[in-house]
C-alpha atoms as a PDB file:
ATOM      1  CA  GLN A   1       5.920  -6.561 -15.033  1.00  0.00           C
ATOM      2  CA  VAL A   2       6.399  -6.782 -11.397  1.00  0.00           C
ATOM      3  CA  GLN A   3       5.647  -9.197  -8.528  1.00  0.00           C
ATOM      4  CA  LEU A   4       4.702  -7.538  -5.350  1.00  0.00           C
ATOM      5  CA  VAL A   5       4.808  -9.091  -1.590  1.00  0.00           C
ATOM      6  CA  GLU A   6       3.220  -7.433   1.197  1.00  0.00           C
ATOM      7  CA  SER A   7       4.393  -7.816   5.004  1.00  0.00           C
ATOM      8  CA  GLY A   8       3.807  -6.076   8.175  1.00  0.00           C
ATOM      9  CA  GLY A   9       0.103  -6.701   8.934  1.00  0.00           C
ATOM     10  CA  GLY A  10      -1.436  -7.756  12.243  1.00  0.00           C
ATOM     11  CA  LEU A  11      -3.477  -7.107  15.301  1.00  0.00           C
ATOM     12  CA  VAL A  12      -3.156  -3.957  17.141  1.00  0.00           C
ATOM     13  CA  GLN A  13      -5.165  -2.051  19.482  1.00  0.00           C
ATOM     14  CA  ALA A  14      -7.060   1.350  18.420  1.00  0.00           C
ATOM     15  CA  GLY A  15      -4.771   4.526  18.596  1.00  0.00           C
ATOM     16  CA  GLY A  16      -1.557   2.098  17.892  1.00  0.00           C
ATOM     17  CA  SER A  17       0.601   2.085  14.959  1.00  0.00           C
ATOM     18  CA  LEU A  18       1.869  -0.407  12.098  1.00  0.00           C
ATOM     19  CA  THR A  19       4.061  -0.376   9.108  1.00  0.00           C
ATOM     20  CA  LEU A  20       3.461  -2.267   6.132  1.00  0.00           C
ATOM     21  CA  SER A  21       5.834  -3.051   3.585  1.00  0.00           C
ATOM     22  CA  CYS A  22       5.537  -3.883  -0.177  1.00  0.00           C
ATOM     23  CA  ALA A  23       8.687  -5.517  -1.583  1.00  0.00           C
ATOM     24  CA  ALA A  24       8.736  -5.606  -5.749  1.00  0.00           C
ATOM     25  CA  SER A  25      10.691  -7.797  -7.734  1.00  0.00           C
ATOM     26  CA  GLY A  26      10.891  -8.139 -11.818  1.00  0.00           C
ATOM     27  CA  SER A  27      11.150  -5.219 -14.034  1.00  0.00           C
ATOM     28  CA  THR A  28      10.956  -2.685 -11.166  1.00  0.00           C
ATOM     29  CA  PHE A  29      12.504  -0.181 -13.431  1.00  0.00           C
ATOM     30  CA  SER A  30       9.598  -0.068 -15.529  1.00  0.00           C
ATOM     31  CA  ILE A  31       7.150   1.184 -12.211  1.00  0.00           C
ATOM     32  CA  ARG A  32       5.571   4.483 -12.799  1.00  0.00           C
ATOM     33  CA  ALA A  33       3.453   4.628  -9.731  1.00  0.00           C
ATOM     34  CA  MET A  34       2.690   2.408  -6.673  1.00  0.00           C
ATOM     35  CA  GLY A  35      -0.061   2.496  -4.113  1.00  0.00           C
ATOM     36  CA  TRP A  36      -1.885   0.968  -1.179  1.00  0.00           C
ATOM     37  CA  TYR A  37      -5.507  -0.541  -1.216  1.00  0.00           C
ATOM     38  CA  ARG A  38      -7.808  -1.997   1.239  1.00  0.00           C
ATOM     39  CA  GLN A  39     -10.840  -3.852   1.141  1.00  0.00           C
ATOM     40  CA  ALA A  40     -12.962  -4.433   4.134  1.00  0.00           C
ATOM     41  CA  PRO A  41     -15.637  -7.164   4.239  1.00  0.00           C
ATOM     42  CA  GLY A  42     -18.581  -6.412   2.395  1.00  0.00           C
ATOM     43  CA  LYS A  43     -17.312  -3.197   1.047  1.00  0.00           C
ATOM     44  CA  GLN A  44     -15.423  -2.346  -2.280  1.00  0.00           C
ATOM     45  CA  ARG A  45     -11.644  -2.128  -2.721  1.00  0.00           C
ATOM     46  CA  GLU A  46     -10.508   1.579  -1.931  1.00  0.00           C
ATOM     47  CA  LEU A  47      -7.538   3.696  -2.591  1.00  0.00           C
ATOM     48  CA  VAL A  48      -5.782   4.592   0.648  1.00  0.00           C
ATOM     49  CA  ALA A  49      -2.498   6.103  -0.673  1.00  0.00           C
ATOM     50  CA  ALA A  50      -0.303   6.422  -3.900  1.00  0.00           C
ATOM     51  CA  ILE A  51       3.091   7.666  -4.726  1.00  0.00           C
ATOM     52  CA  SER A  52       4.438   8.529  -8.162  1.00  0.00           C
ATOM     53  CA  SER A  53       7.875   7.925  -9.666  1.00  0.00           C
ATOM     54  CA  GLY A  54       8.289  11.758  -8.758  1.00  0.00           C
ATOM     55  CA  ASP A  55       7.400  11.006  -5.172  1.00  0.00           C
ATOM     56  CA  SER A  56       4.096  13.022  -5.516  1.00  0.00           C
ATOM     57  CA  THR A  57       1.769  11.276  -2.991  1.00  0.00           C
ATOM     58  CA  ASN A  58      -2.282  11.530  -2.314  1.00  0.00           C
ATOM     59  CA  TYR A  59      -4.074  10.095   0.459  1.00  0.00           C
ATOM     60  CA  ALA A  60      -7.720   9.115   1.107  1.00  0.00           C
ATOM     61  CA  ASP A  61      -9.504  11.854   3.271  1.00  0.00           C
ATOM     62  CA  SER A  62     -10.157   9.166   5.690  1.00  0.00           C
ATOM     63  CA  VAL A  63      -6.365   8.756   6.287  1.00  0.00           C
ATOM     64  CA  LYS A  64      -5.021  11.992   5.834  1.00  0.00           C
ATOM     65  CA  GLY A  65      -2.721  13.217   8.669  1.00  0.00           C
ATOM     66  CA  ARG A  66      -2.421   9.654   9.914  1.00  0.00           C
ATOM     67  CA  PHE A  67      -0.818   7.531   7.151  1.00  0.00           C
ATOM     68  CA  THR A  68       2.411   8.144   5.289  1.00  0.00           C
ATOM     69  CA  ILE A  69       3.469   6.493   2.002  1.00  0.00           C
ATOM     70  CA  SER A  70       6.896   6.192   1.110  1.00  0.00           C
ATOM     71  CA  ARG A  71       9.252   4.305  -1.009  1.00  0.00           C
ATOM     72  CA  ASP A  72      12.811   3.138  -1.000  1.00  0.00           C
ATOM     73  CA  ASN A  73      13.948   2.863  -4.741  1.00  0.00           C
ATOM     74  CA  ALA A  74      17.548   1.305  -3.532  1.00  0.00           C
ATOM     75  CA  LYS A  75      15.423  -1.513  -2.080  1.00  0.00           C
ATOM     76  CA  ASN A  76      12.551  -1.751  -4.304  1.00  0.00           C
ATOM     77  CA  THR A  77      10.125  -1.358  -1.283  1.00  0.00           C
ATOM     78  CA  MET A  78       7.191   0.772  -0.859  1.00  0.00           C
ATOM     79  CA  TYR A  79       5.953   1.396   2.874  1.00  0.00           C
ATOM     80  CA  LEU A  80       2.692   2.437   4.683  1.00  0.00           C
ATOM     81  CA  GLN A  81       3.289   4.056   7.831  1.00  0.00           C
ATOM     82  CA  MET A  82      -0.169   3.965   9.881  1.00  0.00           C
ATOM     83  CA  ASN A  83      -0.651   5.933  13.070  1.00  0.00           C
ATOM     84  CA  SER A  84      -3.608   6.434  15.219  1.00  0.00           C
ATOM     85  CA  LEU A  85      -5.140   3.512  13.824  1.00  0.00           C
ATOM     86  CA  LYS A  86      -8.988   3.114  14.324  1.00  0.00           C
ATOM     87  CA  PRO A  87     -11.183  -0.060  14.068  1.00  0.00           C
ATOM     88  CA  GLU A  88     -12.577   1.116  10.756  1.00  0.00           C
ATOM     89  CA  ASP A  89      -8.855   0.894   9.288  1.00  0.00           C
ATOM     90  CA  THR A  90      -9.708  -2.953   9.615  1.00  0.00           C
ATOM     91  CA  ALA A  91      -9.237  -4.568   6.293  1.00  0.00           C
ATOM     92  CA  VAL A  92      -7.000  -6.435   3.808  1.00  0.00           C
ATOM     93  CA  TYR A  93      -4.439  -4.182   2.400  1.00  0.00           C
ATOM     94  CA  TYR A  94      -3.168  -4.509  -1.079  1.00  0.00           C
ATOM     95  CA  CYS A  95      -0.122  -3.395  -2.838  1.00  0.00           C
ATOM     96  CA  ASN A  96      -0.228  -2.115  -6.189  1.00  0.00           C
ATOM     97  CA  ALA A  97       2.049  -0.966  -8.875  1.00  0.00           C
ATOM     98  CA  GLU A  98       1.599   0.560 -12.328  1.00  0.00           C
ATOM     99  CA  GLY A  99       3.886   0.586 -15.222  1.00  0.00           C
ATOM    100  CA  GLU A 100       5.020   0.123 -18.698  1.00  0.00           C
ATOM    101  CA  VAL A 101       7.362  -2.325 -20.440  1.00  0.00           C
ATOM    102  CA  GLY A 102       8.034  -1.555 -24.206  1.00  0.00           C
ATOM    103  CA  TRP A 103       4.364  -0.694 -25.442  1.00  0.00           C
ATOM    104  CA  ASN A 104       2.740  -2.603 -22.803  1.00  0.00           C
ATOM    105  CA  GLU A 105       1.128  -0.936 -19.740  1.00  0.00           C
ATOM    106  CA  TYR A 106       0.630  -3.525 -16.903  1.00  0.00           C
ATOM    107  CA  GLU A 107      -0.754  -3.247 -13.357  1.00  0.00           C
ATOM    108  CA  SER A 108       0.259  -5.951 -10.691  1.00  0.00           C
ATOM    109  CA  TRP A 109      -1.158  -6.576  -7.153  1.00  0.00           C
ATOM    110  CA  GLY A 110       0.093  -8.398  -4.329  1.00  0.00           C
ATOM    111  CA  GLN A 111      -1.417 -11.063  -2.294  1.00  0.00           C
ATOM    112  CA  GLY A 112      -2.874  -8.800   0.613  1.00  0.00           C
ATOM    113  CA  THR A 113      -1.856  -8.326   4.381  1.00  0.00           C
ATOM    114  CA  GLN A 114      -4.623  -8.424   7.056  1.00  0.00           C
ATOM    115  CA  VAL A 115      -4.745  -5.281   9.292  1.00  0.00           C
ATOM    116  CA  THR A 116      -7.133  -5.643  12.351  1.00  0.00           C
ATOM    117  CA  VAL A 117      -7.752  -2.837  14.553  1.00  0.00           C
ATOM    118  CA  SER A 118      -9.388  -3.592  17.917  1.00  0.00           C
ATOM    119  CA  SER A 119     -11.357  -1.130  19.848  1.00  0.00           C
END
């Protein structure tokens, strides 16, 4: 499996930008796909963006055109560039990785990083 550590969260004004990072360690060769999820108070965790091992990406409709997901395999790090932030983007953002080691599939989560967008 892999261990994931997020960083880069913080407080920003509406219209501002933040870049989140997710550093992976452990069996990083086994990762098939990674993604960013978020959970706002009182709401369910939702997918924000995902990237496959082949660098295919998909985004939630609410962030299309504003957020960009990318990964640097040499650094075992995934990023989420967030532009034109809105108050409704306020949430805890979690890094996720899915993979397989041997015949065992796994899913790993980071501890989360808070993003707060003020109006």
